[in-house]
N, C-alpha and C. Protein backbone atom coordinates (compact mmCIF):
# COMPACT_ATOMS: atom_id res chain seq x y z
N GLY A 1 0.80 -1.19 0.00
CA GLY A 1 0.00 0.00 0.00
C GLY A 1 0.85 1.26 0.00
N ILE A 2 1.92 1.22 0.76
CA ILE A 2 2.81 2.39 0.83
C ILE A 2 3.45 2.65 -0.53
N MET A 3 3.76 1.57 -1.25
CA MET A 3 4.36 1.74 -2.58
C MET A 3 3.39 2.43 -3.54
N VAL A 4 2.10 2.19 -3.40
CA VAL A 4 1.11 2.85 -4.26
C VAL A 4 1.05 4.34 -3.92
N PHE A 5 1.12 4.68 -2.62
CA PHE A 5 1.17 6.09 -2.24
C PHE A 5 2.40 6.76 -2.86
N ILE A 6 3.54 6.09 -2.78
CA ILE A 6 4.77 6.65 -3.36
C ILE A 6 4.62 6.79 -4.87
N PHE A 7 4.07 5.76 -5.52
CA PHE A 7 3.87 5.79 -6.97
C PHE A 7 2.97 6.95 -7.38
N ALA A 8 1.91 7.17 -6.62
CA ALA A 8 0.95 8.23 -6.95
C ALA A 8 1.57 9.62 -6.83
N ASN A 9 2.62 9.75 -6.03
CA ASN A 9 3.23 11.06 -5.81
C ASN A 9 4.54 11.28 -6.56
N THR A 10 4.93 10.36 -7.42
CA THR A 10 6.18 10.54 -8.17
C THR A 10 5.97 11.52 -9.31
N ASN A 11 7.00 12.28 -9.59
CA ASN A 11 6.97 13.24 -10.68
C ASN A 11 7.86 12.84 -11.84
N SER A 12 8.65 11.80 -11.65
CA SER A 12 9.60 11.36 -12.65
C SER A 12 9.14 10.03 -13.24
N LEU A 13 9.21 9.90 -14.56
CA LEU A 13 8.81 8.66 -15.21
C LEU A 13 9.71 7.50 -14.80
N GLY A 14 11.01 7.74 -14.75
CA GLY A 14 11.95 6.70 -14.36
C GLY A 14 11.70 6.19 -12.96
N LEU A 15 11.46 7.09 -12.03
CA LEU A 15 11.17 6.69 -10.65
C LEU A 15 9.84 5.95 -10.57
N ALA A 16 8.85 6.40 -11.33
CA ALA A 16 7.55 5.73 -11.33
C ALA A 16 7.68 4.30 -11.84
N ILE A 17 8.46 4.09 -12.88
CA ILE A 17 8.67 2.74 -13.41
C ILE A 17 9.40 1.88 -12.39
N PHE A 18 10.41 2.42 -11.74
CA PHE A 18 11.15 1.67 -10.72
C PHE A 18 10.24 1.27 -9.57
N ILE A 19 9.43 2.19 -9.09
CA ILE A 19 8.49 1.90 -7.99
C ILE A 19 7.50 0.84 -8.43
N MET A 20 7.00 0.94 -9.66
CA MET A 20 6.03 -0.03 -10.15
C MET A 20 6.64 -1.43 -10.26
N VAL A 21 7.89 -1.52 -10.66
CA VAL A 21 8.56 -2.83 -10.75
C VAL A 21 8.71 -3.45 -9.36
N ILE A 22 9.12 -2.65 -8.39
CA ILE A 22 9.26 -3.16 -7.01
C ILE A 22 7.90 -3.58 -6.47
N PHE A 23 6.89 -2.74 -6.65
CA PHE A 23 5.55 -3.05 -6.18
C PHE A 23 5.03 -4.32 -6.85
N SER A 24 5.25 -4.45 -8.15
CA SER A 24 4.79 -5.61 -8.89
C SER A 24 5.43 -6.90 -8.38
N SER A 25 6.69 -6.83 -8.00
CA SER A 25 7.36 -8.01 -7.45
C SER A 25 6.67 -8.50 -6.18
N PHE A 26 6.31 -7.57 -5.30
CA PHE A 26 5.60 -7.93 -4.08
C PHE A 26 4.20 -8.47 -4.38
N VAL A 27 3.52 -7.87 -5.35
CA VAL A 27 2.18 -8.32 -5.71
C VAL A 27 2.24 -9.74 -6.26
N GLN A 28 3.22 -10.02 -7.14
CA GLN A 28 3.34 -11.36 -7.70
C GLN A 28 3.62 -12.39 -6.62
N ALA A 29 4.43 -12.04 -5.64
CA ALA A 29 4.71 -12.96 -4.54
C ALA A 29 3.45 -13.23 -3.71
N ALA A 30 2.66 -12.19 -3.47
CA ALA A 30 1.42 -12.36 -2.70
C ALA A 30 0.42 -13.22 -3.47
N GLU A 31 0.31 -12.99 -4.77
CA GLU A 31 -0.60 -13.80 -5.56
C GLU A 31 -0.16 -15.26 -5.59
N GLY A 32 1.11 -15.49 -5.72
CA GLY A 32 1.62 -16.86 -5.72
C GLY A 32 1.36 -17.58 -4.42
N SER A 33 1.51 -16.86 -3.31
CA SER A 33 1.25 -17.50 -2.02
C SER A 33 -0.24 -17.77 -1.83
N SER A 34 -1.10 -16.90 -2.37
CA SER A 34 -2.55 -17.13 -2.27
C SER A 34 -2.95 -18.37 -3.04
N TYR A 35 -2.48 -18.50 -4.28
CA TYR A 35 -2.82 -19.67 -5.08
C TYR A 35 -2.06 -20.91 -4.62
N GLY A 36 -0.93 -20.73 -3.97
CA GLY A 36 -0.14 -21.86 -3.50
C GLY A 36 -0.79 -22.65 -2.39
N ILE A 37 -1.63 -22.00 -1.59
CA ILE A 37 -2.27 -22.71 -0.48
C ILE A 37 -3.62 -23.30 -0.85
N VAL A 38 -4.12 -23.00 -2.04
CA VAL A 38 -5.45 -23.48 -2.45
C VAL A 38 -5.58 -25.00 -2.35
N PRO A 39 -4.63 -25.80 -2.85
CA PRO A 39 -4.82 -27.27 -2.78
C PRO A 39 -4.85 -27.82 -1.36
N TYR A 40 -4.35 -27.08 -0.40
CA TYR A 40 -4.27 -27.57 0.97
C TYR A 40 -5.45 -27.15 1.84
N VAL A 41 -6.30 -26.26 1.35
CA VAL A 41 -7.43 -25.79 2.16
C VAL A 41 -8.43 -26.91 2.36
N ASN A 42 -8.92 -27.49 1.29
CA ASN A 42 -9.85 -28.62 1.35
C ASN A 42 -9.67 -29.40 0.05
N PRO A 43 -8.81 -30.41 0.04
CA PRO A 43 -8.45 -31.10 -1.21
C PRO A 43 -9.60 -31.59 -2.08
N PRO A 44 -10.70 -32.08 -1.54
CA PRO A 44 -11.78 -32.54 -2.43
C PRO A 44 -12.45 -31.43 -3.24
N VAL A 45 -12.38 -30.21 -2.78
CA VAL A 45 -13.05 -29.11 -3.49
C VAL A 45 -12.05 -28.04 -3.94
N THR A 46 -10.91 -28.49 -4.42
CA THR A 46 -9.86 -27.56 -4.86
C THR A 46 -10.35 -26.62 -5.96
N GLY A 47 -11.12 -27.13 -6.90
CA GLY A 47 -11.62 -26.30 -7.99
C GLY A 47 -12.52 -25.17 -7.52
N SER A 48 -13.39 -25.47 -6.57
CA SER A 48 -14.28 -24.44 -6.03
C SER A 48 -13.50 -23.36 -5.30
N ILE A 49 -12.51 -23.77 -4.53
CA ILE A 49 -11.71 -22.80 -3.78
C ILE A 49 -10.89 -21.95 -4.74
N ALA A 50 -10.33 -22.57 -5.77
CA ALA A 50 -9.58 -21.80 -6.77
C ALA A 50 -10.49 -20.78 -7.46
N GLY A 51 -11.73 -21.17 -7.71
CA GLY A 51 -12.69 -20.24 -8.32
C GLY A 51 -13.00 -19.06 -7.42
N ILE A 52 -13.14 -19.31 -6.13
CA ILE A 52 -13.42 -18.23 -5.18
C ILE A 52 -12.23 -17.28 -5.09
N VAL A 53 -11.01 -17.85 -5.05
CA VAL A 53 -9.82 -17.00 -4.99
C VAL A 53 -9.70 -16.17 -6.26
N GLY A 54 -9.95 -16.78 -7.40
CA GLY A 54 -9.90 -16.03 -8.66
C GLY A 54 -10.97 -14.97 -8.76
N ALA A 55 -12.17 -15.28 -8.26
CA ALA A 55 -13.26 -14.30 -8.29
C ALA A 55 -12.94 -13.09 -7.42
N GLY A 56 -12.21 -13.31 -6.33
CA GLY A 56 -11.80 -12.18 -5.50
C GLY A 56 -10.92 -11.20 -6.26
N GLY A 57 -10.02 -11.72 -7.08
CA GLY A 57 -9.18 -10.85 -7.89
C GLY A 57 -9.98 -10.07 -8.92
N ASN A 58 -10.94 -10.74 -9.54
CA ASN A 58 -11.78 -10.06 -10.53
C ASN A 58 -12.66 -9.00 -9.87
N THR A 59 -13.16 -9.29 -8.69
CA THR A 59 -13.98 -8.31 -7.97
C THR A 59 -13.17 -7.06 -7.66
N GLY A 60 -11.95 -7.25 -7.19
CA GLY A 60 -11.08 -6.11 -6.93
C GLY A 60 -10.78 -5.30 -8.18
N ALA A 61 -10.57 -6.00 -9.29
CA ALA A 61 -10.30 -5.30 -10.55
C ALA A 61 -11.49 -4.44 -10.98
N VAL A 62 -12.68 -4.97 -10.84
CA VAL A 62 -13.88 -4.20 -11.21
C VAL A 62 -14.05 -3.00 -10.29
N CYS A 63 -13.89 -3.22 -8.98
CA CYS A 63 -14.05 -2.11 -8.02
C CYS A 63 -13.06 -0.99 -8.28
N PHE A 64 -11.79 -1.34 -8.47
CA PHE A 64 -10.80 -0.31 -8.70
C PHE A 64 -10.95 0.31 -10.09
N GLY A 65 -11.44 -0.47 -11.06
CA GLY A 65 -11.74 0.10 -12.38
C GLY A 65 -12.80 1.17 -12.29
N LEU A 66 -13.84 0.89 -11.50
CA LEU A 66 -14.88 1.90 -11.29
C LEU A 66 -14.33 3.10 -10.53
N GLY A 67 -13.43 2.84 -9.59
CA GLY A 67 -12.81 3.94 -8.85
C GLY A 67 -12.03 4.87 -9.77
N PHE A 68 -11.28 4.28 -10.70
CA PHE A 68 -10.51 5.10 -11.63
C PHE A 68 -11.42 5.81 -12.63
N ARG A 69 -12.59 5.25 -12.87
CA ARG A 69 -13.52 5.90 -13.79
C ARG A 69 -14.23 7.08 -13.14
N GLN A 70 -14.54 6.96 -11.85
CA GLN A 70 -15.35 7.96 -11.17
C GLN A 70 -14.52 9.05 -10.47
N LEU A 71 -13.28 8.74 -10.14
CA LEU A 71 -12.45 9.67 -9.37
C LEU A 71 -11.33 10.23 -10.22
N GLU A 72 -10.72 11.28 -9.72
CA GLU A 72 -9.49 11.77 -10.32
C GLU A 72 -8.41 10.72 -10.12
N THR A 73 -7.40 10.71 -10.97
CA THR A 73 -6.38 9.66 -10.94
C THR A 73 -5.69 9.57 -9.59
N LYS A 74 -5.27 10.69 -9.04
CA LYS A 74 -4.56 10.66 -7.76
C LYS A 74 -5.47 10.17 -6.64
N GLN A 75 -6.73 10.59 -6.64
CA GLN A 75 -7.67 10.13 -5.62
C GLN A 75 -7.90 8.62 -5.74
N ALA A 76 -7.96 8.12 -6.98
CA ALA A 76 -8.16 6.68 -7.18
C ALA A 76 -6.95 5.90 -6.66
N PHE A 77 -5.75 6.41 -6.89
CA PHE A 77 -4.56 5.74 -6.36
C PHE A 77 -4.56 5.77 -4.83
N TYR A 78 -4.99 6.88 -4.25
CA TYR A 78 -5.08 6.97 -2.78
C TYR A 78 -6.11 5.98 -2.24
N LEU A 79 -7.24 5.83 -2.93
CA LEU A 79 -8.25 4.86 -2.52
C LEU A 79 -7.67 3.44 -2.58
N MET A 80 -6.97 3.14 -3.67
CA MET A 80 -6.37 1.81 -3.81
C MET A 80 -5.34 1.56 -2.71
N ALA A 81 -4.47 2.52 -2.47
CA ALA A 81 -3.45 2.37 -1.45
C ALA A 81 -4.06 2.21 -0.06
N SER A 82 -5.10 2.96 0.22
CA SER A 82 -5.76 2.88 1.52
C SER A 82 -6.39 1.50 1.72
N CYS A 83 -7.02 0.96 0.69
CA CYS A 83 -7.60 -0.37 0.79
C CYS A 83 -6.54 -1.44 1.01
N ILE A 84 -5.39 -1.30 0.34
CA ILE A 84 -4.30 -2.26 0.52
C ILE A 84 -3.75 -2.19 1.94
N VAL A 85 -3.55 -0.98 2.44
CA VAL A 85 -3.02 -0.82 3.80
C VAL A 85 -4.03 -1.37 4.82
N ALA A 86 -5.32 -1.08 4.61
CA ALA A 86 -6.34 -1.54 5.56
C ALA A 86 -6.48 -3.05 5.57
N SER A 87 -6.26 -3.69 4.43
CA SER A 87 -6.42 -5.15 4.37
C SER A 87 -5.20 -5.88 4.91
N GLY A 88 -4.08 -5.22 5.01
CA GLY A 88 -2.85 -5.88 5.45
C GLY A 88 -2.67 -5.73 6.89
């Protein structure tokens, strides 16, 4: 979440790309750990659990897509960062 706040306040393209790469690395690790535990939650219903985990990602994408459509760009990034910080 803090990386999104930093990204939203950068004025340099190079710094913004660097921050996004670092943030993306952490996001990929979190996604991998989320999908990595799916087979161990309840083995007989692995497909259902994988569907629920995947649906959560799609729900977040739709919500933040609407946020970026309805808000100014900086406000939308602040909303996204706040949600990430609150969930962690």
